[in-house]
PDB file of all heavy atoms in Angstrom:
ATOM      1  N   HIS A   1     -12.538-105.734 -16.094  1.00  0.00           N
ATOM      2  CA  HIS A   1     -12.445-104.640 -17.138  1.00  0.00           C
ATOM      3  C   HIS A   1     -11.035-103.888 -16.824  1.00  0.00           C
ATOM      4  O   HIS A   1     -10.734-103.711 -15.601  1.00  0.00           O
ATOM      5  CB  HIS A   1     -13.486-103.676 -17.250  1.00  0.00           C
ATOM      6  CG  HIS A   1     -14.690-104.112 -17.856  1.00  0.00           C
ATOM      7  ND1 HIS A   1     -14.706-104.830 -19.120  1.00  0.00           N
ATOM      8  CD2 HIS A   1     -16.086-104.100 -17.559  1.00  0.00           C
ATOM      9  CE1 HIS A   1     -15.941-105.143 -19.380  1.00  0.00           C
ATOM     10  NE2 HIS A   1     -16.736-104.611 -18.391  1.00  0.00           N
ATOM     11  N   ARG A   2     -10.436-103.400 -18.015  1.00  0.00           N
ATOM     12  CA  ARG A   2      -9.249-102.445 -17.776  1.00  0.00           C
ATOM     13  C   ARG A   2      -9.736-101.116 -17.820  1.00  0.00           C
ATOM     14  O   ARG A   2     -10.876-100.793 -18.285  1.00  0.00           O
ATOM     15  CB  ARG A   2      -8.302-102.682 -18.868  1.00  0.00           C
ATOM     16  CG  ARG A   2      -7.648-104.080 -18.886  1.00  0.00           C
ATOM     17  CD  ARG A   2      -6.628-104.198 -19.979  1.00  0.00           C
ATOM     18  NE  ARG A   2      -6.029-105.437 -20.031  1.00  0.00           N
ATOM     19  CZ  ARG A   2      -4.857-105.647 -20.556  1.00  0.00           C
ATOM     20  NH1 ARG A   2      -4.157-104.559 -20.996  1.00  0.00           N
ATOM     21  NH2 ARG A   2      -4.359-106.828 -20.559  1.00  0.00           N
ATOM     22  N   ILE A   3      -9.007-100.132 -17.197  1.00  0.00           N
ATOM     23  CA  ILE A   3      -9.342 -98.809 -17.229  1.00  0.00           C
ATOM     24  C   ILE A   3      -8.255 -97.917 -18.024  1.00  0.00           C
ATOM     25  O   ILE A   3      -7.069 -98.301 -18.021  1.00  0.00           O
ATOM     26  CB  ILE A   3      -9.476 -98.212 -15.830  1.00  0.00           C
ATOM     27  CG1 ILE A   3     -10.020 -96.779 -15.764  1.00  0.00           C
ATOM     28  CG2 ILE A   3      -8.117 -98.237 -15.066  1.00  0.00           C
ATOM     29  CD1 ILE A   3     -10.515 -96.317 -14.387  1.00  0.00           C
ATOM     30  N   THR A   4      -8.845 -97.036 -18.767  1.00  0.00           N
ATOM     31  CA  THR A   4      -7.810 -96.251 -19.556  1.00  0.00           C
ATOM     32  C   THR A   4      -7.059 -95.441 -18.607  1.00  0.00           C
ATOM     33  O   THR A   4      -7.445 -95.060 -17.447  1.00  0.00           O
ATOM     34  CB  THR A   4      -8.519 -95.289 -20.520  1.00  0.00           C
ATOM     35  OG1 THR A   4      -9.252 -94.292 -19.874  1.00  0.00           O
ATOM     36  CG2 THR A   4      -9.350 -96.107 -21.582  1.00  0.00           C
ATOM     37  N   ALA A   5      -5.833 -94.903 -19.115  1.00  0.00           N
ATOM     38  CA  ALA A   5      -4.948 -93.967 -18.350  1.00  0.00           C
ATOM     39  C   ALA A   5      -5.608 -92.754 -17.971  1.00  0.00           C
ATOM     40  O   ALA A   5      -5.698 -92.196 -16.916  1.00  0.00           O
ATOM     41  CB  ALA A   5      -3.626 -93.771 -19.027  1.00  0.00           C
ATOM     42  N   GLU A   6      -6.407 -92.191 -18.952  1.00  0.00           N
ATOM     43  CA  GLU A   6      -7.134 -90.970 -18.730  1.00  0.00           C
ATOM     44  C   GLU A   6      -8.146 -91.126 -17.706  1.00  0.00           C
ATOM     45  O   GLU A   6      -8.378 -90.215 -16.805  1.00  0.00           O
ATOM     46  CB  GLU A   6      -7.731 -90.594 -20.125  1.00  0.00           C
ATOM     47  CG  GLU A   6      -6.840 -90.068 -21.217  1.00  0.00           C
ATOM     48  CD  GLU A   6      -6.291 -91.180 -22.022  1.00  0.00           C
ATOM     49  OE1 GLU A   6      -6.744 -92.396 -21.922  1.00  0.00           O
ATOM     50  OE2 GLU A   6      -5.388 -91.153 -22.913  1.00  0.00           O
ATOM     51  N   ASP A   7      -8.959 -92.179 -17.784  1.00  0.00           N
ATOM     52  CA  ASP A   7     -10.036 -92.317 -16.757  1.00  0.00           C
ATOM     53  C   ASP A   7      -9.337 -92.652 -15.290  1.00  0.00           C
ATOM     54  O   ASP A   7      -9.898 -92.174 -14.361  1.00  0.00           O
ATOM     55  CB  ASP A   7     -10.925 -93.543 -17.080  1.00  0.00           C
ATOM     56  CG  ASP A   7     -11.854 -93.151 -18.310  1.00  0.00           C
ATOM     57  OD1 ASP A   7     -12.013 -91.960 -18.546  1.00  0.00           O
ATOM     58  OD2 ASP A   7     -12.470 -94.022 -18.908  1.00  0.00           O
ATOM     59  N   LEU A   8      -8.379 -93.309 -15.253  1.00  0.00           N
ATOM     60  CA  LEU A   8      -7.604 -93.620 -14.036  1.00  0.00           C
ATOM     61  C   LEU A   8      -7.249 -92.245 -13.340  1.00  0.00           C
ATOM     62  O   LEU A   8      -7.452 -92.021 -12.352  1.00  0.00           O
ATOM     63  CB  LEU A   8      -6.517 -94.546 -14.204  1.00  0.00           C
ATOM     64  CG  LEU A   8      -5.590 -94.902 -12.962  1.00  0.00           C
ATOM     65  CD1 LEU A   8      -6.383 -95.309 -11.876  1.00  0.00           C
ATOM     66  CD2 LEU A   8      -4.357 -95.700 -13.350  1.00  0.00           C
ATOM     67  N   ILE A   9      -6.587 -91.509 -14.118  1.00  0.00           N
ATOM     68  CA  ILE A   9      -5.985 -90.163 -13.671  1.00  0.00           C
ATOM     69  C   ILE A   9      -7.119 -89.288 -13.329  1.00  0.00           C
ATOM     70  O   ILE A   9      -7.102 -88.633 -12.286  1.00  0.00           O
ATOM     71  CB  ILE A   9      -5.088 -89.510 -14.633  1.00  0.00           C
ATOM     72  CG1 ILE A   9      -3.756 -90.354 -14.672  1.00  0.00           C
ATOM     73  CG2 ILE A   9      -4.703 -88.154 -14.197  1.00  0.00           C
ATOM     74  CD1 ILE A   9      -2.815 -90.066 -15.772  1.00  0.00           C
ATOM     75  N   ALA A  10      -8.300 -89.348 -14.069  1.00  0.00           N
ATOM     76  CA  ALA A  10      -9.366 -88.539 -13.634  1.00  0.00           C
ATOM     77  C   ALA A  10      -9.898 -88.936 -12.433  1.00  0.00           C
ATOM     78  O   ALA A  10     -10.330 -88.060 -11.538  1.00  0.00           O
ATOM     79  CB  ALA A  10     -10.421 -88.509 -14.920  1.00  0.00           C
ATOM     80  N   ILE A  11     -10.111 -90.224 -12.181  1.00  0.00           N
ATOM     81  CA  ILE A  11     -10.606 -90.762 -10.804  1.00  0.00           C
ATOM     82  C   ILE A  11      -9.587 -90.346  -9.767  1.00  0.00           C
ATOM     83  O   ILE A  11     -10.178 -89.944  -8.598  1.00  0.00           O
ATOM     84  CB  ILE A  11     -10.773 -92.250 -10.952  1.00  0.00           C
ATOM     85  CG1 ILE A  11     -12.130 -92.541 -11.843  1.00  0.00           C
ATOM     86  CG2 ILE A  11     -11.101 -92.793  -9.550  1.00  0.00           C
ATOM     87  CD1 ILE A  11     -12.303 -93.988 -12.168  1.00  0.00           C
ATOM     88  N   LEU A  12      -8.449 -90.457  -9.975  1.00  0.00           N
ATOM     89  CA  LEU A  12      -7.549 -90.085  -8.922  1.00  0.00           C
ATOM     90  C   LEU A  12      -7.506 -88.713  -8.510  1.00  0.00           C
ATOM     91  O   LEU A  12      -7.627 -88.322  -7.294  1.00  0.00           O
ATOM     92  CB  LEU A  12      -6.065 -90.454  -9.329  1.00  0.00           C
ATOM     93  CG  LEU A  12      -5.795 -92.043  -9.529  1.00  0.00           C
ATOM     94  CD1 LEU A  12      -4.359 -92.204 -10.008  1.00  0.00           C
ATOM     95  CD2 LEU A  12      -6.027 -92.716  -8.206  1.00  0.00           C
ATOM     96  N   ARG A  13      -7.594 -87.821  -9.576  1.00  0.00           N
ATOM     97  CA  ARG A  13      -7.750 -86.268  -9.299  1.00  0.00           C
ATOM     98  C   ARG A  13      -9.025 -85.924  -8.625  1.00  0.00           C
ATOM     99  O   ARG A  13      -9.126 -85.137  -7.612  1.00  0.00           O
ATOM    100  CB  ARG A  13      -7.536 -85.591 -10.537  1.00  0.00           C
ATOM    101  CG  ARG A  13      -6.123 -85.635 -11.027  1.00  0.00           C
ATOM    102  CD  ARG A  13      -5.879 -84.739 -12.375  1.00  0.00           C
ATOM    103  NE  ARG A  13      -4.514 -84.788 -12.635  1.00  0.00           N
ATOM    104  CZ  ARG A  13      -4.182 -84.471 -13.854  1.00  0.00           C
ATOM    105  NH1 ARG A  13      -4.888 -84.297 -14.907  1.00  0.00           N
ATOM    106  NH2 ARG A  13      -2.789 -84.523 -14.162  1.00  0.00           N
ATOM    107  N   LEU A  14     -10.241 -86.623  -9.031  1.00  0.00           N
ATOM    108  CA  LEU A  14     -11.493 -86.434  -8.479  1.00  0.00           C
ATOM    109  C   LEU A  14     -11.513 -86.595  -6.968  1.00  0.00           C
ATOM    110  O   LEU A  14     -12.100 -86.029  -6.224  1.00  0.00           O
ATOM    111  CB  LEU A  14     -12.473 -87.367  -9.179  1.00  0.00           C
ATOM    112  CG  LEU A  14     -13.935 -87.298  -8.623  1.00  0.00           C
ATOM    113  CD1 LEU A  14     -14.573 -86.010  -8.863  1.00  0.00           C
ATOM    114  CD2 LEU A  14     -14.570 -88.401  -9.213  1.00  0.00           C
ATOM    115  N   ASN A  15     -10.705 -87.667  -6.607  1.00  0.00           N
ATOM    116  CA  ASN A  15     -10.547 -88.055  -5.251  1.00  0.00           C
ATOM    117  C   ASN A  15      -9.419 -87.484  -4.453  1.00  0.00           C
ATOM    118  O   ASN A  15      -9.017 -87.965  -3.349  1.00  0.00           O
ATOM    119  CB  ASN A  15     -10.742 -89.537  -5.055  1.00  0.00           C
ATOM    120  CG  ASN A  15     -12.067 -90.056  -5.547  1.00  0.00           C
ATOM    121  OD1 ASN A  15     -13.141 -89.920  -4.879  1.00  0.00           O
ATOM    122  ND2 ASN A  15     -12.150 -90.615  -6.796  1.00  0.00           N
ATOM    123  N   HIS A  16      -8.772 -86.527  -5.025  1.00  0.00           N
ATOM    124  CA  HIS A  16      -7.620 -86.009  -4.354  1.00  0.00           C
ATOM    125  C   HIS A  16      -6.421 -86.860  -4.097  1.00  0.00           C
ATOM    126  O   HIS A  16      -5.793 -86.796  -2.911  1.00  0.00           O
ATOM    127  CB  HIS A  16      -7.929 -85.238  -3.111  1.00  0.00           C
ATOM    128  CG  HIS A  16      -9.145 -84.175  -3.397  1.00  0.00           C
ATOM    129  ND1 HIS A  16      -9.041 -83.048  -4.134  1.00  0.00           N
ATOM    130  CD2 HIS A  16     -10.585 -84.433  -3.167  1.00  0.00           C
ATOM    131  CE1 HIS A  16     -10.252 -82.425  -4.203  1.00  0.00           C
ATOM    132  NE2 HIS A  16     -11.172 -83.241  -3.657  1.00  0.00           N
ATOM    133  N   VAL A  17      -6.245 -87.914  -4.913  1.00  0.00           N
ATOM    134  CA  VAL A  17      -5.075 -88.793  -4.784  1.00  0.00           C
ATOM    135  C   VAL A  17      -3.972 -88.412  -5.793  1.00  0.00           C
ATOM    136  O   VAL A  17      -4.350 -88.218  -6.975  1.00  0.00           O
ATOM    137  CB  VAL A  17      -5.617 -90.171  -5.095  1.00  0.00           C
ATOM    138  CG1 VAL A  17      -4.303 -91.202  -5.061  1.00  0.00           C
ATOM    139  CG2 VAL A  17      -6.664 -90.749  -4.101  1.00  0.00           C
ATOM    140  N   LYS A  18      -2.971 -88.159  -5.327  1.00  0.00           N
ATOM    141  CA  LYS A  18      -1.764 -87.834  -6.307  1.00  0.00           C
ATOM    142  C   LYS A  18      -1.384 -89.031  -7.062  1.00  0.00           C
ATOM    143  O   LYS A  18      -1.212 -90.076  -6.689  1.00  0.00           O
ATOM    144  CB  LYS A  18      -0.615 -87.325  -5.451  1.00  0.00           C
ATOM    145  CG  LYS A  18      -0.873 -86.023  -4.690  1.00  0.00           C
ATOM    146  CD  LYS A  18       0.370 -85.716  -3.809  1.00  0.00           C
ATOM    147  CE  LYS A  18       0.001 -84.502  -2.886  1.00  0.00           C
ATOM    148  NZ  LYS A  18      -0.626 -84.663  -1.722  1.00  0.00           N
ATOM    149  N   PRO A  19      -1.397 -88.901  -8.450  1.00  0.00           N
ATOM    150  CA  PRO A  19      -0.972 -90.006  -9.258  1.00  0.00           C
ATOM    151  C   PRO A  19       0.247 -90.645  -8.911  1.00  0.00           C
ATOM    152  O   PRO A  19       0.429 -91.800  -8.903  1.00  0.00           O
ATOM    153  CB  PRO A  19      -0.948 -89.324 -10.551  1.00  0.00           C
ATOM    154  CG  PRO A  19      -1.928 -88.270 -10.559  1.00  0.00           C
ATOM    155  CD  PRO A  19      -1.779 -87.578  -9.247  1.00  0.00           C
ATOM    156  N   TRP A  20       1.291 -89.915  -8.546  1.00  0.00           N
ATOM    157  CA  TRP A  20       2.636 -90.406  -8.184  1.00  0.00           C
ATOM    158  C   TRP A  20       2.499 -91.262  -6.876  1.00  0.00           C
ATOM    159  O   TRP A  20       3.112 -92.266  -6.754  1.00  0.00           O
ATOM    160  CB  TRP A  20       3.662 -89.210  -7.933  1.00  0.00           C
ATOM    161  CG  TRP A  20       3.357 -88.270  -6.997  1.00  0.00           C
ATOM    162  CD1 TRP A  20       2.731 -87.031  -7.063  1.00  0.00           C
ATOM    163  CD2 TRP A  20       3.649 -88.423  -5.520  1.00  0.00           C
ATOM    164  NE1 TRP A  20       2.796 -86.346  -5.885  1.00  0.00           N
ATOM    165  CE2 TRP A  20       3.242 -87.253  -4.886  1.00  0.00           C
ATOM    166  CE3 TRP A  20       4.204 -89.380  -4.790  1.00  0.00           C
ATOM    167  CZ2 TRP A  20       3.305 -87.107  -3.470  1.00  0.00           C
ATOM    168  CZ3 TRP A  20       4.256 -89.275  -3.380  1.00  0.00           C
ATOM    169  CH2 TRP A  20       3.810 -88.066  -2.839  1.00  0.00           C
ATOM    170  N   GLU A  21       1.623 -90.941  -6.020  1.00  0.00           N
ATOM    171  CA  GLU A  21       1.422 -91.698  -4.784  1.00  0.00           C
ATOM    172  C   GLU A  21       0.798 -92.988  -5.101  1.00  0.00           C
ATOM    173  O   GLU A  21       1.194 -94.016  -4.600  1.00  0.00           O
ATOM    174  CB  GLU A  21       0.461 -90.892  -3.827  1.00  0.00           C
ATOM    175  CG  GLU A  21       0.259 -91.595  -2.572  1.00  0.00           C
ATOM    176  CD  GLU A  21      -0.743 -90.796  -1.626  1.00  0.00           C
ATOM    177  OE1 GLU A  21      -0.843 -89.580  -1.819  1.00  0.00           O
ATOM    178  OE2 GLU A  21      -1.352 -91.359  -0.756  1.00  0.00           O
ATOM    179  N   PHE A  22      -0.158 -92.944  -6.034  1.00  0.00           N
ATOM    180  CA  PHE A  22      -0.903 -94.178  -6.433  1.00  0.00           C
ATOM    181  C   PHE A  22       0.212 -95.100  -7.177  1.00  0.00           C
ATOM    182  O   PHE A  22       0.269 -96.251  -6.707  1.00  0.00           O
ATOM    183  CB  PHE A  22      -2.158 -93.929  -7.409  1.00  0.00           C
ATOM    184  CG  PHE A  22      -2.789 -95.128  -7.854  1.00  0.00           C
ATOM    185  CD1 PHE A  22      -3.857 -95.635  -7.035  1.00  0.00           C
ATOM    186  CD2 PHE A  22      -2.522 -95.692  -9.055  1.00  0.00           C
ATOM    187  CE1 PHE A  22      -4.506 -96.838  -7.586  1.00  0.00           C
ATOM    188  CE2 PHE A  22      -3.138 -96.766  -9.562  1.00  0.00           C
ATOM    189  CZ  PHE A  22      -4.250 -97.348  -8.765  1.00  0.00           C
ATOM    190  N   PHE A  23       0.880 -94.612  -8.053  1.00  0.00           N
ATOM    191  CA  PHE A  23       1.788 -95.506  -8.869  1.00  0.00           C
ATOM    192  C   PHE A  23       2.906 -95.833  -8.112  1.00  0.00           C
ATOM    193  O   PHE A  23       3.428 -96.982  -8.401  1.00  0.00           O
ATOM    194  CB  PHE A  23       2.223 -94.726 -10.177  1.00  0.00           C
ATOM    195  CG  PHE A  23       1.085 -94.605 -11.184  1.00  0.00           C
ATOM    196  CD1 PHE A  23       0.392 -93.454 -11.400  1.00  0.00           C
ATOM    197  CD2 PHE A  23       0.591 -95.652 -11.788  1.00  0.00           C
ATOM    198  CE1 PHE A  23      -0.447 -93.249 -12.369  1.00  0.00           C
ATOM    199  CE2 PHE A  23      -0.563 -95.590 -12.646  1.00  0.00           C
ATOM    200  CZ  PHE A  23      -1.031 -94.343 -12.900  1.00  0.00           C
ATOM    201  N   ASN A  24       3.414 -95.172  -7.074  1.00  0.00           N
ATOM    202  CA  ASN A  24       4.503 -95.636  -6.241  1.00  0.00           C
ATOM    203  C   ASN A  24       4.015 -96.748  -5.468  1.00  0.00           C
ATOM    204  O   ASN A  24       4.818 -97.782  -5.263  1.00  0.00           O
ATOM    205  CB  ASN A  24       4.954 -94.536  -5.291  1.00  0.00           C
ATOM    206  CG  ASN A  24       5.969 -93.506  -5.926  1.00  0.00           C
ATOM    207  OD1 ASN A  24       6.541 -93.808  -6.905  1.00  0.00           O
ATOM    208  ND2 ASN A  24       6.185 -92.343  -5.214  1.00  0.00           N
ATOM    209  N   GLN A  25       2.832 -96.713  -4.918  1.00  0.00           N
ATOM    210  CA  GLN A  25       2.305 -97.855  -4.159  1.00  0.00           C
ATOM    211  C   GLN A  25       2.246 -99.172  -5.104  1.00  0.00           C
ATOM    212  O   GLN A  25       2.525-100.223  -4.727  1.00  0.00           O
ATOM    213  CB  GLN A  25       0.982 -97.681  -3.534  1.00  0.00           C
ATOM    214  CG  GLN A  25       1.186 -97.028  -2.171  1.00  0.00           C
ATOM    215  CD  GLN A  25      -0.104 -97.163  -1.346  1.00  0.00           C
ATOM    216  OE1 GLN A  25      -0.933 -98.150  -1.558  1.00  0.00           O
ATOM    217  NE2 GLN A  25      -0.225 -96.256  -0.369  1.00  0.00           N
ATOM    218  N   LEU A  26       1.922 -98.963  -6.330  1.00  0.00           N
ATOM    219  CA  LEU A  26       1.656-100.053  -7.272  1.00  0.00           C
ATOM    220  C   LEU A  26       3.027-100.540  -7.385  1.00  0.00           C
ATOM    221  O   LEU A  26       3.275-101.785  -7.638  1.00  0.00           O
ATOM    222  CB  LEU A  26       1.085 -99.493  -8.550  1.00  0.00           C
ATOM    223  CG  LEU A  26       0.629-100.574  -9.540  1.00  0.00           C
ATOM    224  CD1 LEU A  26      -0.499-101.473  -8.930  1.00  0.00           C
ATOM    225  CD2 LEU A  26       0.024 -99.870 -10.728  1.00  0.00           C
ATOM    226  N   ASP A  27       4.098 -99.779  -7.587  1.00  0.00           N
ATOM    227  CA  ASP A  27       5.445-100.118  -7.936  1.00  0.00           C
ATOM    228  C   ASP A  27       6.097-100.854  -6.673  1.00  0.00           C
ATOM    229  O   ASP A  27       6.749-101.842  -6.782  1.00  0.00           O
ATOM    230  CB  ASP A  27       6.286 -98.931  -8.213  1.00  0.00           C
ATOM    231  CG  ASP A  27       7.694 -99.319  -8.687  1.00  0.00           C
ATOM    232  OD1 ASP A  27       7.705-100.244  -9.594  1.00  0.00           O
ATOM    233  OD2 ASP A  27       8.662 -98.713  -8.113  1.00  0.00           O
TER     234      ASP A  27
END
């Protein structure tokens, strides 16, 4: 399944993961 951007960011924030940190690793 895909995840929406809103849900992804909500999960990252819930778990104290900075979105830029996540996306930098993806990049």
